[in-house]
Amino acid sequence: MPLTTSRISTDWPCQVKTPGTYDWERSAAKWLRELVPARYASYPALIRHPVLLARHAQLQVQQEIRVARTALQTARADLPRLGMPESVIEHTIKLYAAEVMQLQHIARSVRAVTEALVERGTTR
């Protein structure tokens, strides 16, 4: 089977096998389950339909991006009131900025996996 454009992307997660190879959908579902709260792993609809799981992972990651951005934007105002020293505040701001970047990369990876799942028709 030919590779999808998703595999060529630098955003393709290394934990997921190449689309079209043996058991790649299972590796995709396993990786996606790691991105959502653990309680979702037992929901039958998400187990049977990897595209639904991918959709939920997209929503989850987008929400995490919003939270990290809010934390970043409010850190300088909120953390001094909590008694945090300037060095901790600066470190925390760098941490949140790095987290936003990482989450944006994960969001691109989830989109790539979702597109590949949809291409392969795993919506059964």
PDB file of N, CA and C in Angstrom:
ATOM      1  N   MET A   1       0.830  -1.181   0.000  1.00  0.00           N
ATOM      2  CA  MET A   1       0.000   0.000   0.000  1.00  0.00           C
ATOM      3  C   MET A   1       0.873   1.243   0.000  1.00  0.00           C
ATOM      4  N   PRO A   2       0.463   2.286  -0.706  1.00  0.00           N
ATOM      5  CA  PRO A   2       1.259   3.501  -0.711  1.00  0.00           C
ATOM      6  C   PRO A   2       1.159   4.221   0.622  1.00  0.00           C
ATOM      7  N   LEU A   3       2.191   4.949   0.942  1.00  0.00           N
ATOM      8  CA  LEU A   3       2.174   5.737   2.165  1.00  0.00           C
ATOM      9  C   LEU A   3       1.258   6.925   1.986  1.00  0.00           C
ATOM     10  N   THR A   4       0.614   7.339   3.066  1.00  0.00           N
ATOM     11  CA  THR A   4      -0.204   8.545   2.998  1.00  0.00           C
ATOM     12  C   THR A   4       0.699   9.743   3.191  1.00  0.00           C
ATOM     13  N   THR A   5       0.187  10.906   2.834  1.00  0.00           N
ATOM     14  CA  THR A   5       0.950  12.127   3.033  1.00  0.00           C
ATOM     15  C   THR A   5       1.181  12.381   4.508  1.00  0.00           C
ATOM     16  N   SER A   6       0.338  11.824   5.374  1.00  0.00           N
ATOM     17  CA  SER A   6       0.495  12.016   6.810  1.00  0.00           C
ATOM     18  C   SER A   6       1.830  11.462   7.305  1.00  0.00           C
ATOM     19  N   ARG A   7       2.264  10.338   6.746  1.00  0.00           N
ATOM     20  CA  ARG A   7       3.500   9.704   7.193  1.00  0.00           C
ATOM     21  C   ARG A   7       4.717  10.537   6.823  1.00  0.00           C
ATOM     22  N   ILE A   8       4.644  11.212   5.708  1.00  0.00           N
ATOM     23  CA  ILE A   8       5.762  12.019   5.256  1.00  0.00           C
ATOM     24  C   ILE A   8       5.951  13.238   6.168  1.00  0.00           C
ATOM     25  N   SER A   9       4.890  13.672   6.762  1.00  0.00           N
ATOM     26  CA  SER A   9       4.919  14.859   7.609  1.00  0.00           C
ATOM     27  C   SER A   9       5.870  14.688   8.787  1.00  0.00           C
ATOM     28  N   THR A  10       6.576  15.753   9.112  1.00  0.00           N
ATOM     29  CA  THR A  10       7.447  15.736  10.294  1.00  0.00           C
ATOM     30  C   THR A  10       6.629  15.695  11.577  1.00  0.00           C
ATOM     31  N   ASP A  11       5.330  15.949  11.464  1.00  0.00           N
ATOM     32  CA  ASP A  11       4.456  15.912  12.633  1.00  0.00           C
ATOM     33  C   ASP A  11       3.971  14.507  12.980  1.00  0.00           C
ATOM     34  N   TRP A  12       4.275  13.524  12.130  1.00  0.00           N
ATOM     35  CA  TRP A  12       3.819  12.161  12.402  1.00  0.00           C
ATOM     36  C   TRP A  12       4.494  11.656  13.677  1.00  0.00           C
ATOM     37  N   PRO A  13       3.716  11.164  14.650  1.00  0.00           N
ATOM     38  CA  PRO A  13       4.318  10.700  15.912  1.00  0.00           C
ATOM     39  C   PRO A  13       5.124   9.413  15.730  1.00  0.00           C
ATOM     40  N   CYS A  14       6.290   9.375  16.334  1.00  0.00           N
ATOM     41  CA  CYS A  14       7.161   8.197  16.191  1.00  0.00           C
ATOM     42  C   CYS A  14       6.556   6.966  16.865  1.00  0.00           C
ATOM     43  N   GLN A  15       5.609   7.150  17.774  1.00  0.00           N
ATOM     44  CA  GLN A  15       4.977   6.021  18.467  1.00  0.00           C
ATOM     45  C   GLN A  15       3.949   5.299  17.593  1.00  0.00           C
ATOM     46  N   VAL A  16       3.597   5.903  16.464  1.00  0.00           N
ATOM     47  CA  VAL A  16       2.568   5.325  15.589  1.00  0.00           C
ATOM     48  C   VAL A  16       3.230   4.762  14.342  1.00  0.00           C
ATOM     49  N   LYS A  17       2.895   3.518  14.026  1.00  0.00           N
ATOM     50  CA  LYS A  17       3.449   2.861  12.837  1.00  0.00           C
ATOM     51  C   LYS A  17       2.988   3.580  11.571  1.00  0.00           C
ATOM     52  N   THR A  18       3.691   3.326  10.495  1.00  0.00           N
ATOM     53  CA  THR A  18       3.389   3.924   9.202  1.00  0.00           C
ATOM     54  C   THR A  18       2.002   3.487   8.725  1.00  0.00           C
ATOM     55  N   PRO A  19       1.186   4.427   8.260  1.00  0.00           N
ATOM     56  CA  PRO A  19      -0.128   4.042   7.723  1.00  0.00           C
ATOM     57  C   PRO A  19       0.019   3.002   6.617  1.00  0.00           C
ATOM     58  N   GLY A  20      -0.855   2.022   6.678  1.00  0.00           N
ATOM     59  CA  GLY A  20      -0.818   0.962   5.683  1.00  0.00           C
ATOM     60  C   GLY A  20      -0.008  -0.248   6.099  1.00  0.00           C
ATOM     61  N   THR A  21       0.796  -0.121   7.163  1.00  0.00           N
ATOM     62  CA  THR A  21       1.556  -1.273   7.624  1.00  0.00           C
ATOM     63  C   THR A  21       0.709  -2.066   8.618  1.00  0.00           C
ATOM     64  N   TYR A  22       1.159  -3.283   8.869  1.00  0.00           N
ATOM     65  CA  TYR A  22       0.438  -4.162   9.786  1.00  0.00           C
ATOM     66  C   TYR A  22       0.250  -3.495  11.147  1.00  0.00           C
ATOM     67  N   ASP A  23      -0.986  -3.484  11.621  1.00  0.00           N
ATOM     68  CA  ASP A  23      -1.321  -3.063  12.977  1.00  0.00           C
ATOM     69  C   ASP A  23      -1.110  -1.562  13.248  1.00  0.00           C
ATOM     70  N   TRP A  24      -1.009  -0.765  12.188  1.00  0.00           N
ATOM     71  CA  TRP A  24      -0.761   0.655  12.413  1.00  0.00           C
ATOM     72  C   TRP A  24      -1.927   1.327  13.126  1.00  0.00           C
ATOM     73  N   GLU A  25      -3.176   0.896  12.821  1.00  0.00           N
ATOM     74  CA  GLU A  25      -4.334   1.512  13.475  1.00  0.00           C
ATOM     75  C   GLU A  25      -4.294   1.262  14.982  1.00  0.00           C
ATOM     76  N   ARG A  26      -3.851   0.068  15.365  1.00  0.00           N
ATOM     77  CA  ARG A  26      -3.756  -0.251  16.790  1.00  0.00           C
ATOM     78  C   ARG A  26      -2.719   0.646  17.470  1.00  0.00           C
ATOM     79  N   SER A  27      -1.589   0.874  16.807  1.00  0.00           N
ATOM     80  CA  SER A  27      -0.573   1.752  17.389  1.00  0.00           C
ATOM     81  C   SER A  27      -1.085   3.186  17.471  1.00  0.00           C
ATOM     82  N   ALA A  28      -1.891   3.588  16.484  1.00  0.00           N
ATOM     83  CA  ALA A  28      -2.482   4.933  16.511  1.00  0.00           C
ATOM     84  C   ALA A  28      -3.451   5.063  17.686  1.00  0.00           C
ATOM     85  N   ALA A  29      -4.307   4.063  17.855  1.00  0.00           N
ATOM     86  CA  ALA A  29      -5.280   4.105  18.950  1.00  0.00           C
ATOM     87  C   ALA A  29      -4.575   4.100  20.308  1.00  0.00           C
ATOM     88  N   LYS A  30      -3.526   3.315  20.437  1.00  0.00           N
ATOM     89  CA  LYS A  30      -2.772   3.286  21.697  1.00  0.00           C
ATOM     90  C   LYS A  30      -2.195   4.663  22.001  1.00  0.00           C
ATOM     91  N   TRP A  31      -1.596   5.299  21.012  1.00  0.00           N
ATOM     92  CA  TRP A  31      -1.008   6.627  21.207  1.00  0.00           C
ATOM     93  C   TRP A  31      -2.087   7.651  21.539  1.00  0.00           C
ATOM     94  N   LEU A  32      -3.215   7.590  20.834  1.00  0.00           N
ATOM     95  CA  LEU A  32      -4.301   8.533  21.091  1.00  0.00           C
ATOM     96  C   LEU A  32      -4.871   8.372  22.495  1.00  0.00           C
ATOM     97  N   ARG A  33      -4.974   7.121  22.962  1.00  0.00           N
ATOM     98  CA  ARG A  33      -5.484   6.885  24.322  1.00  0.00           C
ATOM     99  C   ARG A  33      -4.606   7.535  25.381  1.00  0.00           C
ATOM    100  N   GLU A  34      -3.313   7.651  25.091  1.00  0.00           N
ATOM    101  CA  GLU A  34      -2.404   8.282  26.045  1.00  0.00           C
ATOM    102  C   GLU A  34      -2.635   9.789  26.156  1.00  0.00           C
ATOM    103  N   LEU A  35      -3.351  10.358  25.208  1.00  0.00           N
ATOM    104  CA  LEU A  35      -3.580  11.801  25.186  1.00  0.00           C
ATOM    105  C   LEU A  35      -4.874  12.227  25.867  1.00  0.00           C
ATOM    106  N   VAL A  36      -5.726  11.267  26.177  1.00  0.00           N
ATOM    107  CA  VAL A  36      -7.007  11.591  26.803  1.00  0.00           C
ATOM    108  C   VAL A  36      -7.014  11.070  28.241  1.00  0.00           C
ATOM    109  N   PRO A  37      -7.895  11.611  29.090  1.00  0.00           N
ATOM    110  CA  PRO A  37      -7.970  11.093  30.458  1.00  0.00           C
ATOM    111  C   PRO A  37      -8.214   9.581  30.466  1.00  0.00           C
ATOM    112  N   ALA A  38      -7.637   8.920  31.424  1.00  0.00           N
ATOM    113  CA  ALA A  38      -7.657   7.449  31.485  1.00  0.00           C
ATOM    114  C   ALA A  38      -9.070   6.866  31.452  1.00  0.00           C
ATOM    115  N   ARG A  39     -10.023   7.544  32.037  1.00  0.00           N
ATOM    116  CA  ARG A  39     -11.380   6.980  32.087  1.00  0.00           C
ATOM    117  C   ARG A  39     -11.975   6.794  30.692  1.00  0.00           C
ATOM    118  N   TYR A  40     -11.488   7.540  29.711  1.00  0.00           N
ATOM    119  CA  TYR A  40     -12.011   7.402  28.353  1.00  0.00           C
ATOM    120  C   TYR A  40     -11.565   6.106  27.688  1.00  0.00           C
ATOM    121  N   ALA A  41     -10.509   5.517  28.169  1.00  0.00           N
ATOM    122  CA  ALA A  41      -9.972   4.297  27.561  1.00  0.00           C
ATOM    123  C   ALA A  41     -10.971   3.141  27.613  1.00  0.00           C
ATOM    124  N   SER A  42     -11.925   3.195  28.521  1.00  0.00           N
ATOM    125  CA  SER A  42     -12.877   2.090  28.653  1.00  0.00           C
ATOM    126  C   SER A  42     -14.203   2.353  27.935  1.00  0.00           C
ATOM    127  N   TYR A  43     -14.369   3.499  27.312  1.00  0.00           N
ATOM    128  CA  TYR A  43     -15.620   3.789  26.614  1.00  0.00           C
ATOM    129  C   TYR A  43     -15.677   2.983  25.324  1.00  0.00           C
ATOM    130  N   PRO A  44     -16.670   2.090  25.199  1.00  0.00           N
ATOM    131  CA  PRO A  44     -16.739   1.213  24.028  1.00  0.00           C
ATOM    132  C   PRO A  44     -16.718   1.950  22.690  1.00  0.00           C
ATOM    133  N   ALA A  45     -17.410   3.060  22.578  1.00  0.00           N
ATOM    134  CA  ALA A  45     -17.447   3.774  21.288  1.00  0.00           C
ATOM    135  C   ALA A  45     -16.056   4.251  20.886  1.00  0.00           C
ATOM    136  N   LEU A  46     -15.274   4.697  21.853  1.00  0.00           N
ATOM    137  CA  LEU A  46     -13.930   5.170  21.543  1.00  0.00           C
ATOM    138  C   LEU A  46     -12.975   4.018  21.260  1.00  0.00           C
ATOM    139  N   ILE A  47     -13.237   2.864  21.854  1.00  0.00           N
ATOM    140  CA  ILE A  47     -12.416   1.680  21.591  1.00  0.00           C
ATOM    141  C   ILE A  47     -12.689   1.154  20.176  1.00  0.00           C
ATOM    142  N   ARG A  48     -13.956   1.103  19.804  1.00  0.00           N
ATOM    143  CA  ARG A  48     -14.336   0.537  18.505  1.00  0.00           C
ATOM    144  C   ARG A  48     -14.092   1.478  17.330  1.00  0.00           C
ATOM    145  N   HIS A  49     -14.066   2.778  17.588  1.00  0.00           N
ATOM    146  CA  HIS A  49     -13.976   3.755  16.507  1.00  0.00           C
ATOM    147  C   HIS A  49     -12.797   4.698  16.740  1.00  0.00           C
ATOM    148  N   PRO A  50     -11.627   4.347  16.214  1.00  0.00           N
ATOM    149  CA  PRO A  50     -10.438   5.176  16.423  1.00  0.00           C
ATOM    150  C   PRO A  50     -10.602   6.628  15.968  1.00  0.00           C
ATOM    151  N   VAL A  51     -11.442   6.873  14.966  1.00  0.00           N
ATOM    152  CA  VAL A  51     -11.649   8.259  14.526  1.00  0.00           C
ATOM    153  C   VAL A  51     -12.346   9.063  15.621  1.00  0.00           C
ATOM    154  N   LEU A  52     -13.270   8.447  16.349  1.00  0.00           N
ATOM    155  CA  LEU A  52     -13.899   9.136  17.480  1.00  0.00           C
ATOM    156  C   LEU A  52     -12.872   9.427  18.569  1.00  0.00           C
ATOM    157  N   LEU A  53     -12.014   8.470  18.816  1.00  0.00           N
ATOM    158  CA  LEU A  53     -10.947   8.668  19.790  1.00  0.00           C
ATOM    159  C   LEU A  53     -10.037   9.813  19.347  1.00  0.00           C
ATOM    160  N   ALA A  54      -9.713   9.854  18.067  1.00  0.00           N
ATOM    161  CA  ALA A  54      -8.868  10.924  17.533  1.00  0.00           C
ATOM    162  C   ALA A  54      -9.556  12.271  17.685  1.00  0.00           C
ATOM    163  N   ARG A  55     -10.844  12.320  17.426  1.00  0.00           N
ATOM    164  CA  ARG A  55     -11.589  13.580  17.589  1.00  0.00           C
ATOM    165  C   ARG A  55     -11.522  14.046  19.034  1.00  0.00           C
ATOM    166  N   HIS A  56     -11.729  13.110  19.952  1.00  0.00           N
ATOM    167  CA  HIS A  56     -11.679  13.492  21.365  1.00  0.00           C
ATOM    168  C   HIS A  56     -10.269  13.941  21.760  1.00  0.00           C
ATOM    169  N   ALA A  57      -9.261  13.278  21.244  1.00  0.00           N
ATOM    170  CA  ALA A  57      -7.884  13.680  21.536  1.00  0.00           C
ATOM    171  C   ALA A  57      -7.621  15.092  21.004  1.00  0.00           C
ATOM    172  N   GLN A  58      -8.147  15.407  19.827  1.00  0.00           N
ATOM    173  CA  GLN A  58      -7.985  16.763  19.289  1.00  0.00           C
ATOM    174  C   GLN A  58      -8.601  17.788  20.235  1.00  0.00           C
ATOM    175  N   LEU A  59      -9.812  17.507  20.695  1.00  0.00           N
ATOM    176  CA  LEU A  59     -10.483  18.421  21.617  1.00  0.00           C
ATOM    177  C   LEU A  59      -9.710  18.552  22.926  1.00  0.00           C
ATOM    178  N   GLN A  60      -9.217  17.440  23.425  1.00  0.00           N
ATOM    179  CA  GLN A  60      -8.466  17.424  24.680  1.00  0.00           C
ATOM    180  C   GLN A  60      -7.197  18.264  24.563  1.00  0.00           C
ATOM    181  N   VAL A  61      -6.460  18.079  23.498  1.00  0.00           N
ATOM    182  CA  VAL A  61      -5.205  18.811  23.316  1.00  0.00           C
ATOM    183  C   VAL A  61      -5.482  20.304  23.122  1.00  0.00           C
ATOM    184  N   GLN A  62      -6.526  20.634  22.366  1.00  0.00           N
ATOM    185  CA  GLN A  62      -6.865  22.047  22.189  1.00  0.00           C
ATOM    186  C   GLN A  62      -7.204  22.702  23.524  1.00  0.00           C
ATOM    187  N   GLN A  63      -7.908  21.989  24.372  1.00  0.00           N
ATOM    188  CA  GLN A  63      -8.226  22.528  25.699  1.00  0.00           C
ATOM    189  C   GLN A  63      -6.951  22.700  26.532  1.00  0.00           C
ATOM    190  N   GLU A  64      -6.044  21.745  26.452  1.00  0.00           N
ATOM    191  CA  GLU A  64      -4.785  21.863  27.183  1.00  0.00           C
ATOM    192  C   GLU A  64      -3.973  23.059  26.690  1.00  0.00           C
ATOM    193  N   ILE A  65      -4.028  23.324  25.383  1.00  0.00           N
ATOM    194  CA  ILE A  65      -3.342  24.501  24.845  1.00  0.00           C
ATOM    195  C   ILE A  65      -3.947  25.768  25.444  1.00  0.00           C
ATOM    196  N   ARG A  66      -5.277  25.836  25.503  1.00  0.00           N
ATOM    197  CA  ARG A  66      -5.934  27.010  26.089  1.00  0.00           C
ATOM    198  C   ARG A  66      -5.524  27.204  27.552  1.00  0.00           C
ATOM    199  N   VAL A  67      -5.472  26.112  28.300  1.00  0.00           N
ATOM    200  CA  VAL A  67      -5.085  26.194  29.713  1.00  0.00           C
ATOM    201  C   VAL A  67      -3.645  26.680  29.845  1.00  0.00           C
ATOM    202  N   ALA A  68      -2.743  26.115  29.069  1.00  0.00           N
ATOM    203  CA  ALA A  68      -1.337  26.518  29.148  1.00  0.00           C
ATOM    204  C   ALA A  68      -1.156  27.977  28.737  1.00  0.00           C
ATOM    205  N   ARG A  69      -1.878  28.417  27.718  1.00  0.00           N
ATOM    206  CA  ARG A  69      -1.801  29.824  27.306  1.00  0.00           C
ATOM    207  C   ARG A  69      -2.322  30.752  28.402  1.00  0.00           C
ATOM    208  N   THR A  70      -3.419  30.374  29.020  1.00  0.00           N
ATOM    209  CA  THR A  70      -3.965  31.180  30.118  1.00  0.00           C
ATOM    210  C   THR A  70      -2.973  31.248  31.265  1.00  0.00           C
ATOM    211  N   ALA A  71      -2.390  30.113  31.611  1.00  0.00           N
ATOM    212  CA  ALA A  71      -1.391  30.079  32.684  1.00  0.00           C
ATOM    213  C   ALA A  71      -0.205  30.971  32.340  1.00  0.00           C
ATOM    214  N   LEU A  72       0.227  30.939  31.090  1.00  0.00           N
ATOM    215  CA  LEU A  72       1.341  31.768  30.639  1.00  0.00           C
ATOM    216  C   LEU A  72       0.980  33.248  30.712  1.00  0.00           C
ATOM    217  N   GLN A  73      -0.190  33.591  30.221  1.00  0.00           N
ATOM    218  CA  GLN A  73      -0.612  34.990  30.170  1.00  0.00           C
ATOM    219  C   GLN A  73      -0.864  35.591  31.549  1.00  0.00           C
ATOM    220  N   THR A  74      -1.210  34.775  32.516  1.00  0.00           N
ATOM    221  CA  THR A  74      -1.556  35.298  33.840  1.00  0.00           C
ATOM    222  C   THR A  74      -0.460  35.100  34.885  1.00  0.00           C
ATOM    223  N   ALA A  75       0.599  34.404  34.525  1.00  0.00           N
ATOM    224  CA  ALA A  75       1.641  34.060  35.508  1.00  0.00           C
ATOM    225  C   ALA A  75       2.272  35.298  36.150  1.00  0.00           C
ATOM    226  N   ARG A  76       2.626  36.277  35.346  1.00  0.00           N
ATOM    227  CA  ARG A  76       3.315  37.444  35.880  1.00  0.00           C
ATOM    228  C   ARG A  76       2.446  38.225  36.860  1.00  0.00           C
ATOM    229  N   ALA A  77       1.145  38.230  36.660  1.00  0.00           N
ATOM    230  CA  ALA A  77       0.234  38.942  37.564  1.00  0.00           C
ATOM    231  C   ALA A  77      -0.156  38.092  38.779  1.00  0.00           C
ATOM    232  N   ASP A  78      -0.384  36.800  38.555  1.00  0.00           N
ATOM    233  CA  ASP A  78      -0.907  35.951  39.631  1.00  0.00           C
ATOM    234  C   ASP A  78       0.152  35.392  40.577  1.00  0.00           C
ATOM    235  N   LEU A  79       1.288  35.004  40.058  1.00  0.00           N
ATOM    236  CA  LEU A  79       2.274  34.314  40.885  1.00  0.00           C
ATOM    237  C   LEU A  79       2.882  35.179  41.993  1.00  0.00           C
ATOM    238  N   PRO A  80       3.126  36.478  41.781  1.00  0.00           N
ATOM    239  CA  PRO A  80       3.629  37.283  42.911  1.00  0.00           C
ATOM    240  C   PRO A  80       2.644  37.320  44.075  1.00  0.00           C
ATOM    241  N   ARG A  81       1.363  37.336  43.759  1.00  0.00           N
ATOM    242  CA  ARG A  81       0.344  37.343  44.828  1.00  0.00           C
ATOM    243  C   ARG A  81       0.327  36.045  45.603  1.00  0.00           C
ATOM    244  N   LEU A  82       0.870  34.999  45.006  1.00  0.00           N
ATOM    245  CA  LEU A  82       0.959  33.703  45.695  1.00  0.00           C
ATOM    246  C   LEU A  82       2.277  33.556  46.457  1.00  0.00           C
ATOM    247  N   GLY A  83       3.069  34.623  46.432  1.00  0.00           N
ATOM    248  CA  GLY A  83       4.315  34.617  47.177  1.00  0.00           C
ATOM    249  C   GLY A  83       5.490  33.989  46.444  1.00  0.00           C
ATOM    250  N   MET A  84       5.368  33.814  45.140  1.00  0.00           N
ATOM    251  CA  MET A  84       6.450  33.196  44.382  1.00  0.00           C
ATOM    252  C   MET A  84       7.564  34.215  44.126  1.00  0.00           C
ATOM    253  N   PRO A  85       8.807  33.796  44.325  1.00  0.00           N
ATOM    254  CA  PRO A  85       9.928  34.701  44.020  1.00  0.00           C
ATOM    255  C   PRO A  85      10.089  34.871  42.508  1.00  0.00           C
ATOM    256  N   GLU A  86      10.737  35.954  42.116  1.00  0.00           N
ATOM    257  CA  GLU A  86      10.906  36.291  40.699  1.00  0.00           C
ATOM    258  C   GLU A  86      11.566  35.152  39.913  1.00  0.00           C
ATOM    259  N   SER A  87      12.544  34.494  40.511  1.00  0.00           N
ATOM    260  CA  SER A  87      13.230  33.407  39.794  1.00  0.00           C
ATOM    261  C   SER A  87      12.272  32.259  39.469  1.00  0.00           C
ATOM    262  N   VAL A  88      11.380  31.969  40.390  1.00  0.00           N
ATOM    263  CA  VAL A  88      10.389  30.911  40.160  1.00  0.00           C
ATOM    264  C   VAL A  88       9.395  31.358  39.092  1.00  0.00           C
ATOM    265  N   ILE A  89       9.010  32.612  39.128  1.00  0.00           N
ATOM    266  CA  ILE A  89       8.075  33.144  38.140  1.00  0.00           C
ATOM    267  C   ILE A  89       8.680  33.043  36.739  1.00  0.00           C
ATOM    268  N   GLU A  90       9.924  33.456  36.602  1.00  0.00           N
ATOM    269  CA  GLU A  90      10.584  33.388  35.290  1.00  0.00           C
ATOM    270  C   GLU A  90      10.689  31.951  34.796  1.00  0.00           C
ATOM    271  N   HIS A  91      11.058  31.051  35.695  1.00  0.00           N
ATOM    272  CA  HIS A  91      11.152  29.634  35.324  1.00  0.00           C
ATOM    273  C   HIS A  91       9.779  29.105  34.899  1.00  0.00           C
ATOM    274  N   THR A  92       8.754  29.486  35.622  1.00  0.00           N
ATOM    275  CA  THR A  92       7.396  29.027  35.329  1.00  0.00           C
ATOM    276  C   THR A  92       6.924  29.553  33.980  1.00  0.00           C
ATOM    277  N   ILE A  93       7.241  30.793  33.671  1.00  0.00           N
ATOM    278  CA  ILE A  93       6.862  31.367  32.382  1.00  0.00           C
ATOM    279  C   ILE A  93       7.539  30.601  31.252  1.00  0.00           C
ATOM    280  N   LYS A  94       8.803  30.275  31.420  1.00  0.00           N
ATOM    281  CA  LYS A  94       9.507  29.488  30.399  1.00  0.00           C
ATOM    282  C   LYS A  94       8.885  28.098  30.268  1.00  0.00           C
ATOM    283  N   LEU A  95       8.525  27.507  31.391  1.00  0.00           N
ATOM    284  CA  LEU A  95       7.889  26.189  31.387  1.00  0.00           C
ATOM    285  C   LEU A  95       6.585  26.230  30.602  1.00  0.00           C
ATOM    286  N   TYR A  96       5.725  27.225  30.881  1.00  0.00           N
ATOM    287  CA  TYR A  96       4.447  27.330  30.178  1.00  0.00           C
ATOM    288  C   TYR A  96       4.649  27.586  28.693  1.00  0.00           C
ATOM    289  N   ALA A  97       5.612  28.428  28.341  1.00  0.00           N
ATOM    290  CA  ALA A  97       5.880  28.708  26.927  1.00  0.00           C
ATOM    291  C   ALA A  97       6.314  27.437  26.205  1.00  0.00           C
ATOM    292  N   ALA A  98       7.177  26.657  26.829  1.00  0.00           N
ATOM    293  CA  ALA A  98       7.623  25.392  26.237  1.00  0.00           C
ATOM    294  C   ALA A  98       6.454  24.414  26.113  1.00  0.00           C
ATOM    295  N   GLU A  99       5.589  24.395  27.106  1.00  0.00           N
ATOM    296  CA  GLU A  99       4.440  23.494  27.077  1.00  0.00           C
ATOM    297  C   GLU A  99       3.486  23.851  25.938  1.00  0.00           C
ATOM    298  N   VAL A 100       3.260  25.134  25.726  1.00  0.00           N
ATOM    299  CA  VAL A 100       2.404  25.557  24.611  1.00  0.00           C
ATOM    300  C   VAL A 100       2.985  25.050  23.295  1.00  0.00           C
ATOM    301  N   MET A 101       4.292  25.214  23.109  1.00  0.00           N
ATOM    302  CA  MET A 101       4.943  24.750  21.876  1.00  0.00           C
ATOM    303  C   MET A 101       4.791  23.237  21.715  1.00  0.00           C
ATOM    304  N   GLN A 102       5.030  22.485  22.792  1.00  0.00           N
ATOM    305  CA  GLN A 102       4.917  21.023  22.745  1.00  0.00           C
ATOM    306  C   GLN A 102       3.485  20.600  22.418  1.00  0.00           C
ATOM    307  N   LEU A 103       2.522  21.240  23.052  1.00  0.00           N
ATOM    308  CA  LEU A 103       1.116  20.901  22.810  1.00  0.00           C
ATOM    309  C   LEU A 103       0.707  21.233  21.379  1.00  0.00           C
ATOM    310  N   GLN A 104       1.232  22.303  20.815  1.00  0.00           N
ATOM    311  CA  GLN A 104       0.933  22.637  19.427  1.00  0.00           C
ATOM    312  C   GLN A 104       1.482  21.558  18.490  1.00  0.00           C
ATOM    313  N   HIS A 105       2.654  21.045  18.813  1.00  0.00           N
ATOM    314  CA  HIS A 105       3.224  19.941  18.017  1.00  0.00           C
ATOM    315  C   HIS A 105       2.341  18.692  18.147  1.00  0.00           C
ATOM    316  N   ILE A 106       1.920  18.384  19.353  1.00  0.00           N
ATOM    317  CA  ILE A 106       1.043  17.225  19.562  1.00  0.00           C
ATOM    318  C   ILE A 106      -0.256  17.405  18.788  1.00  0.00           C
ATOM    319  N   ALA A 107      -0.810  18.608  18.797  1.00  0.00           N
ATOM    320  CA  ALA A 107      -2.050  18.868  18.056  1.00  0.00           C
ATOM    321  C   ALA A 107      -1.862  18.601  16.563  1.00  0.00           C
ATOM    322  N   ARG A 108      -0.735  19.013  16.013  1.00  0.00           N
ATOM    323  CA  ARG A 108      -0.456  18.733  14.599  1.00  0.00           C
ATOM    324  C   ARG A 108      -0.331  17.226  14.365  1.00  0.00           C
ATOM    325  N   SER A 109       0.287  16.527  15.299  1.00  0.00           N
ATOM    326  CA  SER A 109       0.433  15.072  15.192  1.00  0.00           C
ATOM    327  C   SER A 109      -0.924  14.383  15.233  1.00  0.00           C
ATOM    328  N   VAL A 110      -1.787  14.823  16.127  1.00  0.00           N
ATOM    329  CA  VAL A 110      -3.134  14.242  16.216  1.00  0.00           C
ATOM    330  C   VAL A 110      -3.882  14.471  14.912  1.00  0.00           C
ATOM    331  N   ARG A 111      -3.757  15.661  14.340  1.00  0.00           N
ATOM    332  CA  ARG A 111      -4.419  15.930  13.052  1.00  0.00           C
ATOM    333  C   ARG A 111      -3.897  14.998  11.961  1.00  0.00           C
ATOM    334  N   ALA A 112      -2.594  14.773  11.930  1.00  0.00           N
ATOM    335  CA  ALA A 112      -2.010  13.878  10.922  1.00  0.00           C
ATOM    336  C   ALA A 112      -2.540  12.453  11.085  1.00  0.00           C
ATOM    337  N   VAL A 113      -2.593  11.978  12.313  1.00  0.00           N
ATOM    338  CA  VAL A 113      -3.095  10.626  12.574  1.00  0.00           C
ATOM    339  C   VAL A 113      -4.577  10.545  12.227  1.00  0.00           C
ATOM    340  N   THR A 114      -5.333  11.561  12.594  1.00  0.00           N
ATOM    341  CA  THR A 114      -6.771  11.577  12.281  1.00  0.00           C
ATOM    342  C   THR A 114      -6.987  11.494  10.780  1.00  0.00           C
ATOM    343  N   GLU A 115      -6.255  12.295  10.029  1.00  0.00           N
ATOM    344  CA  GLU A 115      -6.394  12.277   8.561  1.00  0.00           C
ATOM    345  C   GLU A 115      -6.084  10.887   7.998  1.00  0.00           C
ATOM    346  N   ALA A 116      -5.051  10.260   8.517  1.00  0.00           N
ATOM    347  CA  ALA A 116      -4.696   8.917   8.039  1.00  0.00           C
ATOM    348  C   ALA A 116      -5.779   7.902   8.391  1.00  0.00           C
ATOM    349  N   LEU A 117      -6.347   8.001   9.585  1.00  0.00           N
ATOM    350  CA  LEU A 117      -7.428   7.090   9.990  1.00  0.00           C
ATOM    351  C   LEU A 117      -8.640   7.281   9.097  1.00  0.00           C
ATOM    352  N   VAL A 118      -8.982   8.519   8.802  1.00  0.00           N
ATOM    353  CA  VAL A 118     -10.124   8.792   7.947  1.00  0.00           C
ATOM    354  C   VAL A 118      -9.864   8.267   6.540  1.00  0.00           C
ATOM    355  N   GLU A 119      -8.646   8.473   6.026  1.00  0.00           N
ATOM    356  CA  GLU A 119      -8.267   7.966   4.702  1.00  0.00           C
ATOM    357  C   GLU A 119      -8.438   6.455   4.600  1.00  0.00           C
ATOM    358  N   ARG A 120      -8.100   5.756   5.669  1.00  0.00           N
ATOM    359  CA  ARG A 120      -8.158   4.289   5.668  1.00  0.00           C
ATOM    360  C   ARG A 120      -9.565   3.770   5.970  1.00  0.00           C
ATOM    361  N   GLY A 121     -10.476   4.685   6.259  1.00  0.00           N
ATOM    362  CA  GLY A 121     -11.856   4.250   6.479  1.00  0.00           C
ATOM    363  C   GLY A 121     -12.065   3.444   7.730  1.00  0.00           C
ATOM    364  N   THR A 122     -11.379   3.820   8.808  1.00  0.00           N
ATOM    365  CA  THR A 122     -11.507   3.068  10.058  1.00  0.00           C
ATOM    366  C   THR A 122     -12.622   3.648  10.927  1.00  0.00           C
ATOM    367  N   THR A 123     -13.661   4.171  10.303  1.00  0.00           N
ATOM    368  CA  THR A 123     -14.756   4.776  11.063  1.00  0.00           C
ATOM    369  C   THR A 123     -15.859   3.781  11.404  1.00  0.00           C
ATOM    370  N   ARG A 124     -15.657   2.531  11.066  1.00  0.00           N
ATOM    371  CA  ARG A 124     -16.677   1.504  11.305  1.00  0.00           C
ATOM    372  C   ARG A 124     -17.208   1.520  12.709  1.00  0.00           C
TER     373      ARG A 124
END
